[in-house]
Amino acid sequence: MDASYPLPDLVAAAQGGDQDAWDAIVERFVPLVGAIARQHRLSEADGDDVSQTVWLRLVEHLGDLREPAALPGWIRTTTRHECLRVIAVRGRTRPADPQEDRVLDGVVDDVAGDDLVAVERRQALREALAELPAARRELLLLLLADPPVGYAEISERLGIPIGSIGPTRARALEQLRRTQALLSLRDPGEVPA
């Protein structure tokens, strides 16, 4: 099994003891764990410690997971809690006198937050693609390939007429927009398109 398998299948296989499924889950979510650790401005060593603890906790609690779709949220929450625990243990805060310390006057862009959003969006897109039927997923991936794959080659690889690639693409994108993974990115008050 690899990271492109649907998350429910990976979770079920990992719960059953499949090492390949476990490795695929780790591969899929390690960028998310790393982005959250960077957002908390942890050193590389502390980030590695957080990552190890998150995966250890998942091993301990994977059998308790009833809803595989909840796994990304569980990983986010567990990682954030572990980052905060490491910060508290390491005593990362230092008292500062705003009258004396001019370091507080500087404005720092929070690029780590932007990185985290980008990682979460890429992860959601991978999960959304995994929800699609294999033929539609393969079509979208071929259309996004770099370097681009021509319609003639796509037609040959997938065994579909060139004239149906565009309409099939449109249906696949519409189905992708309606996947659970992408719907979970929306704000609760947002009106669906």
C-alpha atoms as a PDB file:
ATOM      1  CA  MET A   1       0.000   0.000   0.000  1.00  0.00           C
ATOM      2  CA  ASP A   2       1.164   3.535  -0.643  1.00  0.00           C
ATOM      3  CA  ALA A   3       0.051   6.986   0.500  1.00  0.00           C
ATOM      4  CA  SER A   4      -2.339   7.366  -2.451  1.00  0.00           C
ATOM      5  CA  TYR A   5      -4.755   4.720  -1.103  1.00  0.00           C
ATOM      6  CA  PRO A   6      -7.975   6.061   0.419  1.00  0.00           C
ATOM      7  CA  LEU A   7      -7.492   6.952   4.077  1.00  0.00           C
ATOM      8  CA  PRO A   8     -10.196   4.584   5.380  1.00  0.00           C
ATOM      9  CA  ASP A   9      -8.465   1.663   3.643  1.00  0.00           C
ATOM     10  CA  LEU A  10      -5.074   2.640   5.054  1.00  0.00           C
ATOM     11  CA  VAL A  11      -6.444   3.013   8.583  1.00  0.00           C
ATOM     12  CA  ALA A  12      -8.276  -0.324   8.437  1.00  0.00           C
ATOM     13  CA  ALA A  13      -5.177  -2.101   7.136  1.00  0.00           C
ATOM     14  CA  ALA A  14      -2.921  -0.448   9.723  1.00  0.00           C
ATOM     15  CA  GLN A  15      -5.353  -1.393  12.498  1.00  0.00           C
ATOM     16  CA  GLY A  16      -5.044  -4.951  11.207  1.00  0.00           C
ATOM     17  CA  GLY A  17      -1.257  -4.833  11.548  1.00  0.00           C
ATOM     18  CA  ASP A  18      -0.266  -4.053   7.936  1.00  0.00           C
ATOM     19  CA  GLN A  19       3.175  -2.382   8.143  1.00  0.00           C
ATOM     20  CA  ASP A  20       2.929  -0.983   4.604  1.00  0.00           C
ATOM     21  CA  ALA A  21      -0.335   0.753   5.489  1.00  0.00           C
ATOM     22  CA  TRP A  22       1.250   2.201   8.628  1.00  0.00           C
ATOM     23  CA  ASP A  23       4.219   3.467   6.588  1.00  0.00           C
ATOM     24  CA  ALA A  24       1.814   5.038   4.070  1.00  0.00           C
ATOM     25  CA  ILE A  25      -0.059   6.867   6.861  1.00  0.00           C
ATOM     26  CA  VAL A  26       3.211   8.222   8.243  1.00  0.00           C
ATOM     27  CA  GLU A  27       4.372   9.235   4.744  1.00  0.00           C
ATOM     28  CA  ARG A  28       1.078  11.020   4.108  1.00  0.00           C
ATOM     29  CA  PHE A  29       1.012  12.991   7.364  1.00  0.00           C
ATOM     30  CA  VAL A  30       4.682  13.615   8.205  1.00  0.00           C
ATOM     31  CA  PRO A  31       4.653  16.949   6.284  1.00  0.00           C
ATOM     32  CA  LEU A  32       1.683  18.119   8.351  1.00  0.00           C
ATOM     33  CA  VAL A  33       3.406  17.242  11.633  1.00  0.00           C
ATOM     34  CA  GLY A  34       6.574  19.038  10.482  1.00  0.00           C
ATOM     35  CA  ALA A  35       4.652  22.152   9.439  1.00  0.00           C
ATOM     36  CA  ILE A  36       2.915  22.381  12.810  1.00  0.00           C
ATOM     37  CA  ALA A  37       6.248  21.996  14.617  1.00  0.00           C
ATOM     38  CA  ARG A  38       7.719  24.806  12.461  1.00  0.00           C
ATOM     39  CA  GLN A  39       4.681  26.955  13.186  1.00  0.00           C
ATOM     40  CA  HIS A  40       5.525  26.618  16.866  1.00  0.00           C
ATOM     41  CA  ARG A  41       9.119  27.597  16.015  1.00  0.00           C
ATOM     42  CA  LEU A  42      10.627  24.451  17.448  1.00  0.00           C
ATOM     43  CA  SER A  43      14.214  23.525  16.715  1.00  0.00           C
ATOM     44  CA  GLU A  44      14.776  20.645  14.325  1.00  0.00           C
ATOM     45  CA  ALA A  45      15.639  18.344  17.239  1.00  0.00           C
ATOM     46  CA  ASP A  46      12.513  19.331  19.169  1.00  0.00           C
ATOM     47  CA  GLY A  47      10.435  18.921  15.992  1.00  0.00           C
ATOM     48  CA  ASP A  48      11.836  15.414  15.575  1.00  0.00           C
ATOM     49  CA  ASP A  49      10.939  14.637  19.211  1.00  0.00           C
ATOM     50  CA  VAL A  50       7.405  15.907  18.639  1.00  0.00           C
ATOM     51  CA  SER A  51       7.081  13.810  15.484  1.00  0.00           C
ATOM     52  CA  GLN A  52       8.260  10.658  17.271  1.00  0.00           C
ATOM     53  CA  THR A  53       5.804  11.250  20.114  1.00  0.00           C
ATOM     54  CA  VAL A  54       2.892  11.858  17.739  1.00  0.00           C
ATOM     55  CA  TRP A  55       3.550   8.576  15.897  1.00  0.00           C
ATOM     56  CA  LEU A  56       3.985   6.714  19.193  1.00  0.00           C
ATOM     57  CA  ARG A  57       0.647   8.085  20.434  1.00  0.00           C
ATOM     58  CA  LEU A  58      -0.974   7.062  17.143  1.00  0.00           C
ATOM     59  CA  VAL A  59       0.339   3.512  17.519  1.00  0.00           C
ATOM     60  CA  GLU A  60      -1.163   3.458  21.013  1.00  0.00           C
ATOM     61  CA  HIS A  61      -4.540   4.859  19.920  1.00  0.00           C
ATOM     62  CA  LEU A  62      -5.023   3.712  16.308  1.00  0.00           C
ATOM     63  CA  GLY A  63      -7.234   0.852  17.449  1.00  0.00           C
ATOM     64  CA  ASP A  64      -9.514   3.378  19.229  1.00  0.00           C
ATOM     65  CA  LEU A  65     -10.118   5.371  16.032  1.00  0.00           C
ATOM     66  CA  ARG A  66     -13.701   4.745  14.931  1.00  0.00           C
ATOM     67  CA  GLU A  67     -13.861   7.268  12.067  1.00  0.00           C
ATOM     68  CA  PRO A  68     -10.843   7.214   9.699  1.00  0.00           C
ATOM     69  CA  ALA A  69     -11.758  10.672   8.368  1.00  0.00           C
ATOM     70  CA  ALA A  70     -11.024  12.034  11.857  1.00  0.00           C
ATOM     71  CA  LEU A  71      -7.369  10.982  11.660  1.00  0.00           C
ATOM     72  CA  PRO A  72      -6.014  14.252  10.148  1.00  0.00           C
ATOM     73  CA  GLY A  73      -7.714  16.289  12.894  1.00  0.00           C
ATOM     74  CA  TRP A  74      -6.420  13.920  15.555  1.00  0.00           C
ATOM     75  CA  ILE A  75      -2.891  14.279  14.193  1.00  0.00           C
ATOM     76  CA  ARG A  76      -3.170  18.103  14.088  1.00  0.00           C
ATOM     77  CA  THR A  77      -4.477  18.308  17.647  1.00  0.00           C
ATOM     78  CA  THR A  78      -1.981  15.811  19.059  1.00  0.00           C
ATOM     79  CA  THR A  79       0.910  17.576  17.324  1.00  0.00           C
ATOM     80  CA  ARG A  80      -0.149  21.002  18.625  1.00  0.00           C
ATOM     81  CA  HIS A  81      -0.493  19.670  22.170  1.00  0.00           C
ATOM     82  CA  GLU A  82       2.899  17.998  21.995  1.00  0.00           C
ATOM     83  CA  CYS A  83       4.511  21.185  20.625  1.00  0.00           C
ATOM     84  CA  LEU A  84       3.071  23.175  23.527  1.00  0.00           C
ATOM     85  CA  ARG A  85       4.279  20.541  25.977  1.00  0.00           C
ATOM     86  CA  VAL A  86       7.817  20.704  24.558  1.00  0.00           C
ATOM     87  CA  ILE A  87       7.792  24.502  24.715  1.00  0.00           C
ATOM     88  CA  ALA A  88       6.686  24.411  28.353  1.00  0.00           C
ATOM     89  CA  VAL A  89       9.308  21.816  29.283  1.00  0.00           C
ATOM     90  CA  ARG A  90      12.107  23.646  27.504  1.00  0.00           C
ATOM     91  CA  GLY A  91      11.159  26.977  29.077  1.00  0.00           C
ATOM     92  CA  ARG A  92      11.193  28.751  25.731  1.00  0.00           C
ATOM     93  CA  THR A  93       9.627  31.903  27.059  1.00  0.00           C
ATOM     94  CA  ARG A  94      11.789  34.609  28.536  1.00  0.00           C
ATOM     95  CA  PRO A  95      10.580  37.624  30.431  1.00  0.00           C
ATOM     96  CA  ALA A  96      10.911  40.884  28.533  1.00  0.00           C
ATOM     97  CA  ASP A  97      10.545  44.451  29.718  1.00  0.00           C
ATOM     98  CA  PRO A  98       8.752  46.377  26.952  1.00  0.00           C
ATOM     99  CA  GLN A  99      10.395  49.588  28.165  1.00  0.00           C
ATOM    100  CA  GLU A 100      13.887  48.162  27.845  1.00  0.00           C
ATOM    101  CA  ASP A 101      13.762  45.449  25.194  1.00  0.00           C
ATOM    102  CA  ARG A 102      13.348  46.863  21.674  1.00  0.00           C
ATOM    103  CA  VAL A 103      13.088  43.373  20.172  1.00  0.00           C
ATOM    104  CA  LEU A 104       9.353  43.585  20.794  1.00  0.00           C
ATOM    105  CA  ASP A 105       9.086  46.555  18.404  1.00  0.00           C
ATOM    106  CA  GLY A 106       9.915  44.467  15.332  1.00  0.00           C
ATOM    107  CA  VAL A 107       7.202  42.991  13.151  1.00  0.00           C
ATOM    108  CA  VAL A 108       7.824  39.465  11.974  1.00  0.00           C
ATOM    109  CA  ASP A 109       5.816  37.895   9.156  1.00  0.00           C
ATOM    110  CA  ASP A 110       4.324  34.586  10.202  1.00  0.00           C
ATOM    111  CA  VAL A 111       5.415  32.524   7.222  1.00  0.00           C
ATOM    112  CA  ALA A 112       5.149  29.332   9.275  1.00  0.00           C
ATOM    113  CA  GLY A 113       1.379  29.838   9.433  1.00  0.00           C
ATOM    114  CA  ASP A 114       1.271  30.197   5.647  1.00  0.00           C
ATOM    115  CA  ASP A 115       3.365  27.037   5.292  1.00  0.00           C
ATOM    116  CA  LEU A 116       0.974  25.148   7.540  1.00  0.00           C
ATOM    117  CA  VAL A 117      -2.035  26.232   5.489  1.00  0.00           C
ATOM    118  CA  ALA A 118      -0.277  25.163   2.281  1.00  0.00           C
ATOM    119  CA  VAL A 119       0.629  21.758   3.753  1.00  0.00           C
ATOM    120  CA  GLU A 120      -2.939  21.224   5.004  1.00  0.00           C
ATOM    121  CA  ARG A 121      -4.355  22.147   1.583  1.00  0.00           C
ATOM    122  CA  ARG A 122      -1.981  19.794  -0.249  1.00  0.00           C
ATOM    123  CA  GLN A 123      -2.897  17.038   2.197  1.00  0.00           C
ATOM    124  CA  ALA A 124      -6.620  17.690   1.699  1.00  0.00           C
ATOM    125  CA  LEU A 125      -6.146  17.550  -2.077  1.00  0.00           C
ATOM    126  CA  ARG A 126      -4.321  14.198  -1.803  1.00  0.00           C
ATOM    127  CA  GLU A 127      -7.144  12.859   0.358  1.00  0.00           C
ATOM    128  CA  ALA A 128      -9.770  14.246  -2.048  1.00  0.00           C
ATOM    129  CA  LEU A 129      -8.063  12.587  -5.016  1.00  0.00           C
ATOM    130  CA  ALA A 130      -8.009   9.313  -3.097  1.00  0.00           C
ATOM    131  CA  GLU A 131     -11.819   9.563  -2.725  1.00  0.00           C
ATOM    132  CA  LEU A 132     -12.314   9.662  -6.515  1.00  0.00           C
ATOM    133  CA  PRO A 133     -12.791   6.544  -8.630  1.00  0.00           C
ATOM    134  CA  ALA A 134      -9.423   5.364  -9.938  1.00  0.00           C
ATOM    135  CA  ALA A 135     -10.142   6.287 -13.592  1.00  0.00           C
ATOM    136  CA  ARG A 136     -11.073   9.890 -12.760  1.00  0.00           C
ATOM    137  CA  ARG A 137      -8.146  10.260 -10.363  1.00  0.00           C
ATOM    138  CA  GLU A 138      -5.752   8.966 -13.033  1.00  0.00           C
ATOM    139  CA  LEU A 139      -7.207  11.367 -15.630  1.00  0.00           C
ATOM    140  CA  LEU A 140      -6.756  14.390 -13.356  1.00  0.00           C
ATOM    141  CA  LEU A 141      -3.212  13.367 -12.447  1.00  0.00           C
ATOM    142  CA  LEU A 142      -2.301  12.948 -16.132  1.00  0.00           C
ATOM    143  CA  LEU A 143      -3.766  16.376 -16.929  1.00  0.00           C
ATOM    144  CA  LEU A 144      -1.646  17.902 -14.151  1.00  0.00           C
ATOM    145  CA  ALA A 145       1.560  16.071 -15.057  1.00  0.00           C
ATOM    146  CA  ASP A 146       4.734  18.057 -15.534  1.00  0.00           C
ATOM    147  CA  PRO A 147       5.795  17.992 -18.323  1.00  0.00           C
ATOM    148  CA  PRO A 148       2.260  18.054 -19.742  1.00  0.00           C
ATOM    149  CA  VAL A 149       0.853  14.886 -21.294  1.00  0.00           C
ATOM    150  CA  GLY A 150      -0.989  15.383 -24.593  1.00  0.00           C
ATOM    151  CA  TYR A 151      -4.610  14.390 -25.109  1.00  0.00           C
ATOM    152  CA  ALA A 152      -3.573  11.718 -27.635  1.00  0.00           C
ATOM    153  CA  GLU A 153      -1.346  10.013 -25.066  1.00  0.00           C
ATOM    154  CA  ILE A 154      -4.011  10.365 -22.341  1.00  0.00           C
ATOM    155  CA  SER A 155      -6.555   8.816 -24.721  1.00  0.00           C
ATOM    156  CA  GLU A 156      -4.219   5.915 -25.410  1.00  0.00           C
ATOM    157  CA  ARG A 157      -3.249   5.345 -21.757  1.00  0.00           C
ATOM    158  CA  LEU A 158      -6.805   5.468 -20.424  1.00  0.00           C
ATOM    159  CA  GLY A 159      -8.567   3.964 -23.429  1.00  0.00           C
ATOM    160  CA  ILE A 160     -11.034   6.831 -23.822  1.00  0.00           C
ATOM    161  CA  PRO A 161     -11.796   8.924 -26.929  1.00  0.00           C
ATOM    162  CA  ILE A 162      -9.990  12.275 -27.173  1.00  0.00           C
ATOM    163  CA  GLY A 163     -13.343  14.060 -27.453  1.00  0.00           C
ATOM    164  CA  SER A 164     -14.527  12.765 -24.088  1.00  0.00           C
ATOM    165  CA  ILE A 165     -11.434  13.876 -22.124  1.00  0.00           C
ATOM    166  CA  GLY A 166     -12.716  17.443 -21.584  1.00  0.00           C
ATOM    167  CA  PRO A 167     -16.233  16.495 -20.418  1.00  0.00           C
ATOM    168  CA  THR A 168     -14.841  13.694 -18.224  1.00  0.00           C
ATOM    169  CA  ARG A 169     -12.351  16.178 -16.745  1.00  0.00           C
ATOM    170  CA  ALA A 170     -15.210  18.574 -15.924  1.00  0.00           C
ATOM    171  CA  ARG A 171     -17.186  15.802 -14.183  1.00  0.00           C
ATOM    172  CA  ALA A 172     -14.090  14.653 -12.291  1.00  0.00           C
ATOM    173  CA  LEU A 173     -13.356  18.194 -11.060  1.00  0.00           C
ATOM    174  CA  GLU A 174     -16.978  18.616  -9.944  1.00  0.00           C
ATOM    175  CA  GLN A 175     -16.787  15.310  -8.078  1.00  0.00           C
ATOM    176  CA  LEU A 176     -13.454  16.390  -6.558  1.00  0.00           C
ATOM    177  CA  ARG A 177     -15.010  19.635  -5.259  1.00  0.00           C
ATOM    178  CA  ARG A 178     -17.676  17.603  -3.475  1.00  0.00           C
ATOM    179  CA  THR A 179     -15.306  15.179  -1.706  1.00  0.00           C
ATOM    180  CA  GLN A 180     -15.342  15.001   2.068  1.00  0.00           C
ATOM    181  CA  ALA A 181     -11.683  16.061   2.206  1.00  0.00           C
ATOM    182  CA  LEU A 182     -12.267  19.345   0.340  1.00  0.00           C
ATOM    183  CA  LEU A 183     -15.586  20.059   2.011  1.00  0.00           C
ATOM    184  CA  SER A 184     -13.803  19.848   5.379  1.00  0.00           C
ATOM    185  CA  LEU A 185     -11.606  22.827   4.367  1.00  0.00           C
ATOM    186  CA  ARG A 186     -14.582  25.160   4.069  1.00  0.00           C
ATOM    187  CA  ASP A 187     -15.584  27.510   6.839  1.00  0.00           C
ATOM    188  CA  PRO A 188     -18.830  26.360   8.453  1.00  0.00           C
ATOM    189  CA  GLY A 189     -20.616  29.537   7.300  1.00  0.00           C
ATOM    190  CA  GLU A 190     -19.337  29.364   3.733  1.00  0.00           C
ATOM    191  CA  VAL A 191     -21.922  28.732   1.044  1.00  0.00           C
ATOM    192  CA  PRO A 192     -20.952  25.830  -1.259  1.00  0.00           C
ATOM    193  CA  ALA A 193     -20.199  26.801  -4.873  1.00  0.00           C
END
